[in-house]
Structures are given as C-alpha cells and as structure tokens.
Amino acid sequence: MPREHSTNVITLSTERATTLSTIDRQKLVALCSAAFVKCMDDLFDLLPGSTHVIAREGETLVGHACWVERWLQPEGMAPLRTAYVEAVAIHPGHQRRGIGSIVMHRLMREIQGFQIGGLGPANVPFYHQLGWRLWQGPLAVRMNDIVVPTENERVMVLILQNTPPLDLTVPISVEWRVGSVW
C-alpha cells in the first residue's frame, strides 16, 4: 500500500527554552511524549538552558531536537565544552520521511561553536550516517572528585571545527546530573 505524503514544506526554527511560549513548551512535551511513548512532562526541568531545533509542517509541530552545554572529558585532556544533544523526536505520524535528518543537520550547523558534540544514541546507525562516531573507550561520570564507571552506556561524538585531536578509545567522563547521566 503506498504511503501518503503531505506536500507541506518543513520549516525549522531554533529557539532557546527561555523564549518558548507556554503553548510551544506544551506542544514539545506532547511531541516528545508521543515519540518516546512515555511521559516527558519534566523535559524542561531536566534540560535547563537548552536550545531547541523545532520542525513544523504548516502549523503542526512534527520534529524536535535540543542541546545543552555539558563538559565531556577524555582521559588526559581538559574538559571539552560540549553541545550535548537530547530529545531527538519525530511525531510518530511523520517518521521515516527524513525529518529527523533535516532536524539533525540544522542542529549540527548550530553547534559549530562548541568543541565537540555528544549524545546518548538510541539508534547508532542513524547518527553514524550523519557523521557521529561511537566512543570506543570506557564511560564514566564525574561526581565532585570521584569518577564512577557507567557500564552499559554508549555515547557518540561529533567532531567539530574546534575539536582537538581525539583518541576515541581512551576513557571519557561527563559531569553528573539529575536524570539520565549520559
């Protein structure tokens, strides 16, 4: 059976969380909740200072991704100012149409001023085809002066224009935070 496609154009905007209207916040929470099939009511509480790439088809919100500033630290290096990507979500009725790639390409252009991009991948092949690389070394979380291994986690990085030379096989750590560490 052929799939129907809307002829509406996808428009993108980039907005700081602090400038989003209450209605847009509610729509983003609803979109992420539908895409992840779980309640995302705490989205803005868990991602303070976030910047959002929002995709609309006409007036309908169909896609989203955001980033927060974090500090990834490969062993033997100073912490890297990181655009850490979160909540990449496409409305279930609009998936498999390239909207996720469109949103991520915009996000990747927007974060060029950072030293590196990072994300905890749900779909490694999707991000890999966009140029993200899976970190091969062990992962850990920094809590004050303690570094605690985080087993069964994965992180991908995006090499940016300001990224120093990296060895993706060394241990890497991130600062602790409430919610998902990676």
Protein backbone atom coordinates (compact mmCIF):
# COMPACT_ATOMS: atom_id res chain seq x y z
CA MET A 1 0.00 0.00 0.00
CA PRO A 2 1.56 3.36 -0.97
CA ARG A 3 2.30 5.82 1.80
CA GLU A 4 0.64 9.19 1.62
CA HIS A 5 2.90 12.20 1.94
CA SER A 6 1.86 15.72 2.71
CA THR A 7 3.03 18.36 0.28
CA ASN A 8 3.60 20.91 3.04
CA VAL A 9 7.08 22.30 3.44
CA ILE A 10 9.04 21.58 6.61
CA THR A 11 10.16 24.79 8.31
CA LEU A 12 12.80 24.88 11.03
CA SER A 13 13.40 27.30 13.85
CA THR A 14 15.98 27.42 16.62
CA GLU A 15 14.79 28.75 19.96
CA ARG A 16 16.15 29.00 23.49
CA ALA A 17 13.99 27.29 26.10
CA THR A 18 13.65 30.60 27.92
CA THR A 19 11.95 32.22 24.92
CA LEU A 20 9.47 29.43 24.15
CA SER A 21 5.85 30.21 24.89
CA THR A 22 3.93 28.06 27.35
CA ILE A 23 1.92 26.64 24.45
CA ASP A 24 5.07 25.72 22.48
CA ARG A 25 6.54 24.08 25.58
CA GLN A 26 3.37 22.03 25.99
CA LYS A 27 3.46 21.04 22.31
CA LEU A 28 7.11 19.97 22.59
CA VAL A 29 6.36 17.89 25.68
CA ALA A 30 3.42 16.26 23.87
CA LEU A 31 5.57 15.56 20.78
CA CYS A 32 8.38 14.00 22.83
CA SER A 33 5.90 12.00 24.93
CA ALA A 34 4.30 10.59 21.76
CA ALA A 35 7.65 9.85 20.10
CA PHE A 36 9.20 8.18 23.16
CA VAL A 37 5.93 6.57 24.32
CA LYS A 38 6.49 7.85 27.85
CA CYS A 39 5.62 10.91 29.86
CA MET A 40 8.09 13.72 29.19
CA ASP A 41 6.49 16.33 31.45
CA ASP A 42 9.87 17.01 33.08
CA LEU A 43 11.62 17.79 29.76
CA PHE A 44 12.34 21.43 30.55
CA ASP A 45 13.21 20.73 34.21
CA LEU A 46 15.84 18.18 33.19
CA LEU A 47 17.32 20.33 30.42
CA PRO A 48 17.84 23.82 31.83
CA GLY A 49 19.45 26.24 29.42
CA SER A 50 18.53 24.11 26.42
CA THR A 51 18.32 25.31 22.83
CA HIS A 52 15.73 23.67 20.57
CA VAL A 53 15.52 22.97 16.86
CA ILE A 54 11.84 22.70 16.01
CA ALA A 55 10.39 21.34 12.76
CA ARG A 56 6.92 22.30 11.66
CA GLU A 57 4.85 21.17 8.73
CA GLY A 58 2.49 24.05 8.21
CA GLU A 59 1.34 24.86 11.72
CA THR A 60 1.92 21.33 13.05
CA LEU A 61 4.96 20.58 15.19
CA VAL A 62 6.47 17.40 13.70
CA GLY A 63 10.09 17.20 14.88
CA HIS A 64 12.46 18.32 17.59
CA ALA A 65 15.98 18.07 18.93
CA CYS A 66 17.77 20.16 21.51
CA TRP A 67 21.15 20.57 23.11
CA VAL A 68 22.51 21.63 26.46
CA GLU A 69 26.04 22.67 27.36
CA ARG A 70 27.94 19.89 29.11
CA TRP A 71 31.59 19.02 29.66
CA LEU A 72 32.93 15.76 28.25
CA GLN A 73 36.45 14.94 29.40
CA PRO A 74 38.57 12.39 27.55
CA GLU A 75 41.27 10.95 29.82
CA GLY A 76 44.40 13.11 29.83
CA MET A 77 42.62 16.18 28.45
CA ALA A 78 40.87 19.23 29.82
CA PRO A 79 37.05 19.07 29.75
CA LEU A 80 35.61 19.91 26.33
CA ARG A 81 32.74 22.38 26.00
CA THR A 82 30.11 20.06 24.59
CA ALA A 83 26.79 20.57 22.83
CA TYR A 84 25.03 17.54 24.28
CA VAL A 85 22.05 16.55 22.14
CA GLU A 86 18.81 15.47 23.78
CA ALA A 87 15.21 14.60 22.94
CA VAL A 88 15.55 13.95 19.22
CA ALA A 89 11.91 13.22 18.47
CA ILE A 90 9.74 12.96 15.38
CA HIS A 91 5.97 12.71 15.70
CA PRO A 92 5.00 9.05 15.10
CA GLY A 93 2.75 10.02 12.17
CA HIS A 94 5.65 11.80 10.44
CA GLN A 95 8.50 9.33 10.92
CA ARG A 96 10.54 7.79 8.09
CA ARG A 97 10.22 10.90 5.93
CA GLY A 98 13.67 12.39 6.54
CA ILE A 99 12.54 14.93 9.12
CA GLY A 100 14.96 13.56 11.74
CA SER A 101 17.87 14.05 9.34
CA ILE A 102 16.69 17.57 8.47
CA VAL A 103 16.45 18.49 12.17
CA MET A 104 19.86 16.98 12.97
CA HIS A 105 21.58 18.71 10.04
CA ARG A 106 20.26 22.05 11.30
CA LEU A 107 21.35 21.25 14.86
CA MET A 108 24.81 20.23 13.66
CA ARG A 109 25.22 23.60 11.92
CA GLU A 110 24.04 25.45 15.02
CA ILE A 111 26.54 23.81 17.41
CA GLN A 112 29.70 24.56 15.41
CA GLY A 113 30.98 26.97 18.09
CA PHE A 114 31.36 24.15 20.61
CA GLN A 115 34.45 21.97 20.99
CA ILE A 116 32.53 18.74 20.38
CA GLY A 117 29.02 17.35 20.01
CA GLY A 118 27.79 14.47 22.15
CA LEU A 119 24.69 12.32 22.51
CA GLY A 120 23.46 9.08 24.02
CA PRO A 121 22.22 7.22 20.93
CA ALA A 122 19.02 5.24 20.75
CA ASN A 123 19.78 4.47 17.08
CA VAL A 124 23.52 4.24 16.36
CA PRO A 125 23.16 3.66 12.57
CA PHE A 126 21.01 6.80 12.18
CA TYR A 127 23.57 9.05 13.87
CA HIS A 128 26.52 7.26 12.25
CA GLN A 129 25.21 8.07 8.75
CA LEU A 130 25.08 11.75 9.85
CA GLY A 131 28.79 11.70 10.80
CA TRP A 132 28.59 10.92 14.53
CA ARG A 133 31.17 8.45 15.88
CA LEU A 134 30.67 5.91 18.65
CA TRP A 135 33.09 6.40 21.56
CA GLN A 136 35.03 3.16 21.94
CA GLY A 137 36.60 3.72 25.38
CA PRO A 138 35.01 3.24 28.79
CA LEU A 139 32.46 5.80 30.01
CA ALA A 140 32.25 7.33 33.48
CA VAL A 141 30.53 10.08 35.41
CA ARG A 142 32.32 12.72 37.49
CA MET A 143 30.81 13.47 40.89
CA ASN A 144 32.93 16.08 42.71
CA ASP A 145 36.38 14.45 42.83
CA ILE A 146 35.13 10.91 42.21
CA VAL A 147 34.92 9.22 38.80
CA VAL A 148 32.42 6.35 38.65
CA PRO A 149 32.25 3.95 35.67
CA THR A 150 28.92 3.89 33.82
CA GLU A 151 28.61 0.43 32.32
CA ASN A 152 26.02 -0.43 29.68
CA GLU A 153 26.01 3.15 28.37
CA ARG A 154 27.00 4.43 24.94
CA VAL A 155 27.93 7.87 23.73
CA MET A 156 28.53 9.21 20.26
CA VAL A 157 30.53 12.31 19.43
CA LEU A 158 30.55 14.72 16.53
CA ILE A 159 33.90 16.16 15.55
CA LEU A 160 33.51 19.92 15.04
CA GLN A 161 35.81 22.64 13.73
CA ASN A 162 37.05 23.34 17.30
CA THR A 163 37.54 19.70 18.30
CA PRO A 164 41.11 18.91 19.35
CA PRO A 165 42.70 15.64 18.17
CA LEU A 166 40.97 12.75 19.98
CA ASP A 167 41.62 9.11 20.73
CA LEU A 168 38.15 7.54 20.84
CA THR A 169 39.48 4.50 22.73
CA VAL A 170 40.50 6.28 25.95
CA PRO A 171 38.11 6.62 28.90
CA ILE A 172 35.76 9.60 28.78
CA SER A 173 33.69 11.12 31.57
CA VAL A 174 30.86 13.60 31.93
CA GLU A 175 29.68 15.63 34.91
CA TRP A 176 26.87 14.12 36.98
CA ARG A 177 23.35 15.45 36.53
CA VAL A 178 19.83 14.58 37.61
CA GLY A 179 18.05 12.22 35.24
CA SER A 180 19.95 10.29 32.61
CA VAL A 181 23.69 10.76 33.16
CA TRP A 182 24.51 10.17 29.51
